[in-house]
Protein backbone atom coordinates (compact mmCIF):
# COMPACT_ATOMS: atom_id res chain seq x y z
CA MET A 1 15.86 21.76 27.86
CA MET A 2 16.90 18.69 25.84
CA ASN A 3 18.36 15.77 27.64
CA LYS A 4 21.93 14.70 26.68
CA GLN A 5 20.69 11.92 24.73
CA PRO A 6 17.67 12.91 22.50
CA PHE A 7 15.03 10.24 22.62
CA PHE A 8 14.67 10.51 18.93
CA SER A 9 17.01 10.88 15.95
CA ILE A 10 15.08 11.79 12.85
CA ILE A 11 17.11 11.08 9.80
CA LEU A 12 16.16 13.21 6.69
CA PRO A 13 18.18 12.74 3.33
CA ALA A 14 17.24 15.55 0.80
CA TYR A 15 18.19 15.47 -2.90
CA ASN A 16 16.66 18.45 -5.02
CA ALA A 17 13.68 18.87 -2.56
CA SER A 18 13.30 22.34 -2.52
CA THR A 19 9.59 22.23 -3.42
CA PHE A 20 8.47 20.71 -0.32
CA LEU A 21 11.39 20.68 2.24
CA SER A 22 10.51 23.98 4.00
CA ASN A 23 7.06 22.52 4.74
CA THR A 24 8.44 19.32 5.97
CA LEU A 25 10.94 20.92 8.17
CA ARG A 26 8.24 23.21 9.68
CA ASN A 27 5.98 20.38 10.32
CA ILE A 28 8.86 18.44 12.27
CA LEU A 29 9.91 21.76 14.25
CA SER A 30 6.31 22.63 15.32
CA GLN A 31 5.91 19.14 17.08
CA GLN A 32 4.98 19.53 20.59
CA TYR A 33 7.42 16.94 21.77
CA SER A 34 10.84 18.52 21.58
CA ASN A 35 13.56 15.88 22.85
CA PHE A 36 14.73 14.99 19.28
CA GLU A 37 17.49 15.71 16.93
CA LEU A 38 16.99 16.24 13.34
CA LEU A 39 19.81 15.08 10.78
CA LEU A 40 19.61 16.77 7.61
CA ILE A 41 21.62 15.21 4.88
CA ASN A 42 22.12 17.17 1.53
CA ASP A 43 23.09 14.58 -0.85
CA GLY A 44 24.61 16.73 -3.49
CA SER A 45 21.49 18.94 -4.40
CA THR A 46 21.77 21.27 -7.39
CA ASP A 47 18.55 23.28 -6.48
CA SER A 48 18.19 25.39 -3.23
CA THR A 49 17.95 22.30 -0.85
CA ALA A 50 21.16 23.20 0.72
CA ASP A 51 20.12 27.04 1.41
CA ILE A 52 16.82 26.00 3.01
CA CYS A 53 18.71 23.20 5.26
CA THR A 54 21.16 25.97 6.28
CA HIS A 55 18.33 28.31 6.99
CA TYR A 56 16.64 25.96 9.29
CA ALA A 57 19.76 24.82 10.88
CA ASN A 58 20.61 28.23 12.00
CA MET A 59 17.25 28.62 13.51
CA ASP A 60 17.29 25.46 15.69
CA LYS A 61 20.04 23.92 17.72
CA ARG A 62 18.53 20.45 17.29
CA ILE A 63 19.22 20.35 13.50
CA SER A 64 22.67 19.06 12.33
CA PHE A 65 23.28 19.69 8.66
CA ILE A 66 25.67 17.74 6.48
CA SER A 67 26.25 18.64 2.83
CA LYS A 68 28.05 15.87 0.77
CA HIS A 69 28.31 15.09 -2.86
CA ASN A 70 25.71 12.78 -4.79
CA GLU A 71 25.91 9.25 -3.61
CA GLY A 72 22.41 8.06 -3.33
CA VAL A 73 19.77 7.86 -0.59
CA SER A 74 21.31 4.76 0.93
CA VAL A 75 24.74 6.50 1.64
CA ALA A 76 22.78 9.51 2.78
CA ARG A 77 20.82 7.65 5.41
CA ASN A 78 23.94 5.60 6.36
CA LYS A 79 25.53 9.12 7.25
CA GLY A 80 22.72 9.87 9.36
CA LEU A 81 23.10 6.55 11.40
CA ASP A 82 26.86 6.88 11.66
CA ILE A 83 26.27 10.13 13.82
CA ALA A 84 22.75 9.61 15.21
CA LYS A 85 22.52 9.77 19.07
CA GLY A 86 19.02 8.89 20.01
CA LYS A 87 17.44 6.03 21.56
CA TYR A 88 14.90 5.44 18.50
CA ILE A 89 15.44 6.33 14.75
CA LEU A 90 12.81 7.89 12.72
CA PHE A 91 13.19 8.16 8.89
CA ILE A 92 11.43 10.79 7.12
CA ASP A 93 11.33 11.55 3.59
CA ALA A 94 12.13 15.16 2.30
CA ASP A 95 8.56 15.59 0.59
CA ASP A 96 6.40 13.96 3.30
CA LEU A 97 4.72 15.39 6.53
CA LEU A 98 5.02 14.45 10.06
CA TYR A 99 1.47 15.08 11.22
CA PRO A 100 1.11 17.29 14.65
CA ASN A 101 1.77 15.63 17.92
CA ALA A 102 3.12 12.53 16.15
CA LEU A 103 6.36 12.68 18.42
CA SER A 104 4.17 12.93 21.57
CA THR A 105 1.91 9.93 20.56
CA ILE A 106 4.83 7.98 19.95
CA SER A 107 6.61 9.01 23.09
CA ASP A 108 3.34 8.28 25.13
CA ALA A 109 3.16 4.76 23.65
CA LEU A 110 6.60 3.98 24.67
CA LYS A 111 6.21 4.94 28.28
CA ASN A 112 3.94 2.06 28.56
CA ILE A 113 5.82 -0.88 26.73
CA LYS A 114 9.36 -1.23 25.61
CA THR A 115 9.57 -2.21 22.13
CA ASP A 116 12.20 -2.79 19.45
CA TYR A 117 9.92 -1.58 16.75
CA LEU A 118 6.66 0.50 16.65
CA ARG A 119 4.55 0.63 13.48
CA TYR A 120 2.32 3.52 13.03
CA GLU A 121 -0.41 4.36 10.37
CA TYR A 122 0.02 6.87 7.31
CA GLN A 123 -2.28 8.65 4.75
CA THR A 124 -1.14 9.01 1.12
CA ILE A 125 -1.65 12.59 0.15
CA ASP A 126 -1.34 14.77 -3.07
CA GLU A 127 0.93 17.68 -3.64
CA LYS A 128 -1.26 19.91 -1.53
CA GLY A 129 -1.33 17.63 1.11
CA ASN A 130 -4.99 16.55 0.49
CA PRO A 131 -5.58 13.02 1.28
CA LEU A 132 -5.76 10.45 -1.59
CA TYR A 133 -6.70 6.95 -1.74
CA PRO A 134 -7.21 4.91 1.54
CA ASN A 135 -4.80 2.40 2.85
CA TYR A 136 -6.27 -0.97 2.49
CA GLU A 137 -3.75 -2.63 4.60
CA ALA A 138 -4.72 -0.38 7.70
CA LYS A 139 -7.95 -2.25 7.94
CA LEU A 140 -6.24 -5.68 8.57
CA ARG A 141 -3.60 -4.16 10.80
CA ARG A 142 -6.16 -2.97 13.26
CA LYS A 143 -6.87 -6.68 14.31
CA ILE A 144 -3.38 -6.66 16.11
CA SER A 145 -3.54 -3.20 17.55
CA ASN A 146 -1.17 -2.78 20.76
CA GLN A 147 -0.28 -6.34 20.85
CA ILE A 148 3.21 -7.13 21.24
CA LEU A 149 4.49 -9.42 18.42
CA ASP A 150 7.57 -11.32 17.53
CA ALA A 151 9.30 -10.41 14.13
CA ALA A 152 7.63 -13.30 12.19
CA ASP A 153 4.17 -12.11 13.04
CA CYS A 154 5.42 -8.47 12.77
CA ILE A 155 6.33 -9.23 8.93
CA THR A 156 3.15 -11.12 8.54
CA HIS A 157 0.37 -8.93 10.23
CA ILE A 158 1.93 -5.46 10.88
CA VAL A 159 4.17 -4.71 7.84
CA ARG A 160 2.03 -6.61 5.27
CA ASN A 161 4.39 -6.03 2.41
CA GLU A 162 4.57 -2.14 3.22
CA TYR A 163 8.28 -1.65 3.79
CA PHE A 164 8.08 2.06 4.28
CA LEU A 165 11.07 3.25 6.72
CA TRP A 166 8.87 6.37 7.49
CA SER A 167 6.02 4.35 8.83
CA GLY A 168 7.86 3.28 12.23
CA ILE A 169 10.61 3.72 14.51
CA PHE A 170 13.67 1.48 15.08
CA ARG A 171 15.58 0.98 18.35
CA LYS A 172 19.04 2.23 17.80
CA GLU A 173 20.74 -0.24 20.05
CA ILE A 174 19.99 -2.98 17.66
CA ILE A 175 20.96 -1.18 14.45
CA ASP A 176 24.38 -0.44 16.38
CA GLN A 177 25.02 -3.67 17.79
CA TYR A 178 24.49 -5.53 14.38
CA HIS A 179 26.01 -2.43 12.29
CA LEU A 180 22.83 -2.46 10.05
CA ARG A 181 23.22 -0.15 7.31
CA PHE A 182 21.50 0.36 3.68
CA MET A 183 22.74 -1.27 0.76
CA GLU A 184 24.82 1.60 -0.92
CA GLY A 185 23.95 2.31 -4.86
CA CYS A 186 20.41 1.06 -4.09
CA THR A 187 17.69 3.29 -4.28
CA TYR A 188 14.54 0.98 -4.83
CA ASN A 189 13.35 -1.45 -2.11
CA GLU A 190 16.40 -0.55 0.00
CA ASP A 191 14.17 -0.02 2.86
CA THR A 192 12.85 -3.39 2.48
CA LEU A 193 16.13 -5.07 3.02
CA PHE A 194 17.03 -2.74 5.86
CA MET A 195 13.93 -3.67 7.60
CA LEU A 196 14.30 -7.28 6.92
CA GLN A 197 17.63 -7.38 8.36
CA PHE A 198 16.44 -5.47 11.56
CA PHE A 199 13.79 -7.79 12.09
CA MET A 200 16.29 -10.85 12.13
CA HIS A 201 17.59 -9.36 15.15
CA SER A 202 14.58 -7.60 16.96
CA LYS A 203 12.42 -9.21 19.30
CA THR A 204 9.37 -7.09 20.18
CA HIS A 205 7.17 -5.25 17.72
CA ILE A 206 3.80 -3.42 18.36
CA TYR A 207 1.28 -1.49 16.06
CA LEU A 208 -0.27 1.85 16.76
CA PRO A 209 -3.34 2.23 14.78
CA THR A 210 -3.03 6.14 14.74
CA THR A 211 -2.17 8.17 11.54
CA LEU A 212 0.88 10.15 12.23
CA TYR A 213 2.51 10.38 8.73
CA GLY A 214 1.53 11.97 5.45
CA TYR A 215 3.18 10.19 2.36
CA ARG A 216 3.31 12.39 -0.51
CA LYS A 217 2.49 10.88 -3.97
CA PHE A 218 3.15 13.08 -7.04
CA GLU A 219 4.23 12.75 -10.58
CA GLY A 220 7.94 14.15 -9.79
CA ALA A 221 8.50 11.76 -6.92
CA VAL A 222 11.49 9.38 -7.03
CA THR A 223 9.21 6.39 -6.91
CA ALA A 224 6.89 7.53 -9.41
CA LYS A 225 8.31 5.74 -12.39
CA PHE A 226 9.93 2.18 -12.62
CA THR A 227 13.20 2.06 -14.49
CA GLU A 228 15.79 -0.57 -15.52
CA LYS A 229 17.75 0.59 -12.60
CA ASN A 230 14.97 -0.06 -10.28
CA TYR A 231 14.60 -3.54 -11.44
CA GLN A 232 18.16 -4.13 -10.98
CA ASP A 233 17.95 -2.84 -7.40
CA VAL A 234 15.16 -5.13 -6.54
CA LYS A 235 17.14 -8.16 -8.11
CA LYS A 236 19.86 -7.29 -5.75
CA VAL A 237 17.64 -6.85 -2.77
CA ALA A 238 15.61 -10.10 -3.50
CA LYS A 239 19.19 -11.91 -3.86
CA VAL A 240 20.31 -10.95 -0.38
CA ALA A 241 16.69 -11.77 1.15
CA CYS A 242 17.33 -15.17 -0.44
CA ASP A 243 20.54 -15.71 1.17
CA ILE A 244 18.96 -14.72 4.61
CA TYR A 245 16.03 -17.07 3.84
CA THR A 246 18.53 -19.77 3.13
CA SER A 247 20.37 -19.45 6.50
CA CYS A 248 17.44 -18.77 8.63
CA GLU A 249 16.82 -21.94 10.94
CA ASP A 250 13.34 -20.65 12.41
CA ILE A 251 10.63 -22.23 10.47
CA ARG A 252 8.18 -19.21 11.00
CA MET A 253 10.76 -16.77 10.17
CA GLN A 254 11.53 -18.55 6.95
CA LYS A 255 7.98 -18.28 5.89
CA ALA A 256 7.71 -14.69 6.38
CA ILE A 257 11.05 -14.18 4.62
CA LYS A 258 9.85 -16.03 1.70
CA SER A 259 6.74 -13.84 1.56
CA VAL A 260 8.90 -10.81 1.32
CA ILE A 261 10.95 -12.44 -1.54
CA GLU A 262 7.38 -13.54 -3.38
CA ALA A 263 6.53 -9.66 -2.96
CA LEU A 264 9.51 -8.59 -4.64
CA TYR A 265 9.54 -11.06 -7.54
CA SER A 266 5.81 -10.11 -7.86
CA ARG A 267 7.08 -6.35 -8.43
CA ILE A 268 9.68 -7.15 -11.19
CA ILE A 269 8.41 -10.34 -12.86
CA GLY A 270 6.58 -8.44 -15.48
CA THR A 271 9.59 -6.61 -16.59
CA ALA A 272 12.26 -9.48 -16.40
CA TYR A 273 14.72 -9.37 -19.31
CA THR A 274 14.62 -12.92 -20.26
CA ARG A 275 12.15 -15.70 -20.04
CA HIS A 276 15.03 -17.71 -17.97
CA GLU A 277 14.77 -14.88 -15.32
CA ALA A 278 11.15 -15.03 -15.05
CA ASP A 279 10.92 -18.72 -15.06
CA SER A 280 13.48 -18.80 -12.06
CA MET A 281 11.23 -16.37 -10.15
CA ILE A 282 8.09 -18.31 -10.71
CA GLN A 283 9.59 -21.55 -9.63
CA PHE A 284 11.04 -20.09 -6.45
CA CYS A 285 7.73 -18.55 -5.39
CA CYS A 286 5.76 -21.72 -6.46
CA GLN A 287 7.86 -23.86 -4.01
CA HIS A 288 5.87 -23.83 -1.06
CA PRO A 289 4.19 -20.49 -1.75
CA ILE A 290 3.14 -18.36 1.12
CA GLN A 291 1.09 -15.34 -0.52
CA TYR A 292 -2.28 -16.29 -1.82
CA GLU A 293 -1.64 -15.25 -5.47
CA TRP A 294 1.38 -17.48 -5.84
CA LYS A 295 -0.67 -20.34 -4.24
CA MET A 296 -3.31 -19.85 -6.91
CA ILE A 297 -0.70 -19.70 -9.62
CA LYS A 298 0.74 -22.97 -8.53
CA LEU A 299 -2.54 -24.48 -8.55
CA LEU A 300 -3.03 -23.58 -12.18
CA GLY A 301 0.43 -24.77 -13.06
CA TYR A 302 3.53 -22.17 -13.19
CA SER A 303 4.51 -23.42 -16.69
CA ILE A 304 2.10 -20.50 -17.93
CA GLY A 305 4.99 -18.06 -17.66
CA SER A 306 3.42 -15.31 -19.90
CA LYS A 307 0.21 -15.59 -18.08
CA CYS A 308 1.54 -15.37 -14.61
CA LEU A 309 1.58 -11.50 -14.24
CA PRO A 310 -2.21 -10.75 -15.40
CA LEU A 311 -3.31 -13.92 -13.03
CA MET A 312 -1.32 -12.42 -10.23
CA HIS A 313 -2.98 -8.97 -10.68
CA PHE A 314 -6.39 -10.75 -10.78
CA PHE A 315 -5.86 -12.65 -7.79
CA GLN A 316 -4.72 -9.28 -6.02
CA LYS A 317 -7.81 -7.53 -6.98
CA ILE A 318 -9.96 -10.22 -5.76
CA ILE A 319 -8.24 -10.06 -2.26
CA ARG A 320 -8.69 -6.50 -2.34
CA LYS A 321 -12.45 -7.02 -2.67
CA PHE A 322 -12.70 -8.93 0.56
CA TYR A 323 -10.83 -6.41 2.75
């Protein structure tokens, strides 16, 4: 029997997700831990996504199904946050997998410690669920396993520029208190901004070095191609992040936020539409740089604008070799 308040609220937006959705839902519903609600938001799909959602909602009372016209993933997640009743929020993508006993593992960890954010590990998988390449960042995260960290250290040592919503749980009390929501219309790096805004208010963060989530990588995935819309989205996210950085008075948190902005600019600087845009990003990142590659670019002189991107990739490869 479920408690009146579910411990977890799982928010799952779906748009034309019929290929993998049934498998994703079966993995959630087969969890040994049962005190959760599953919020399915069909974002105006034109395939059989709505039918699949309806089928599973009729099978399990823990599922709430909402069907709406297409407004994008941010609006869909916001709709889930508006109605979520759980103590903690989990976000799951419609083509991914929650591994067996994932919820039990998280619940057991939370019995021993009260935290605002708990991060767990993931495995990148192919269309058939087979493991792909390893997660290099996981090797560095292990050093701080099961330690309680503040927000600045969480960004630096736990997240490590992997701003994946589905790789952690969020205390809903903080989301409600500060009315945190996703930037509407934004479909790329919207998760980065949401998490950064969350970390501006959260106090305790912990990393659990256990692989609990399967992140599916395939050619048809939304994030498989980088478009002009993606570029504009990252610019919008970076602008808000810059505003947060400017208004932040905590020096350690300032440095952590700047590292986030540097990573965002690293992602789009090669596709900047004007030399002025690219130079502005380079100048910002080379002012007291945080990330290694930007430190090296500053050392070599950021006036080498056209060489900035290949140099950055070169330095990133060097860093990987020492993992």
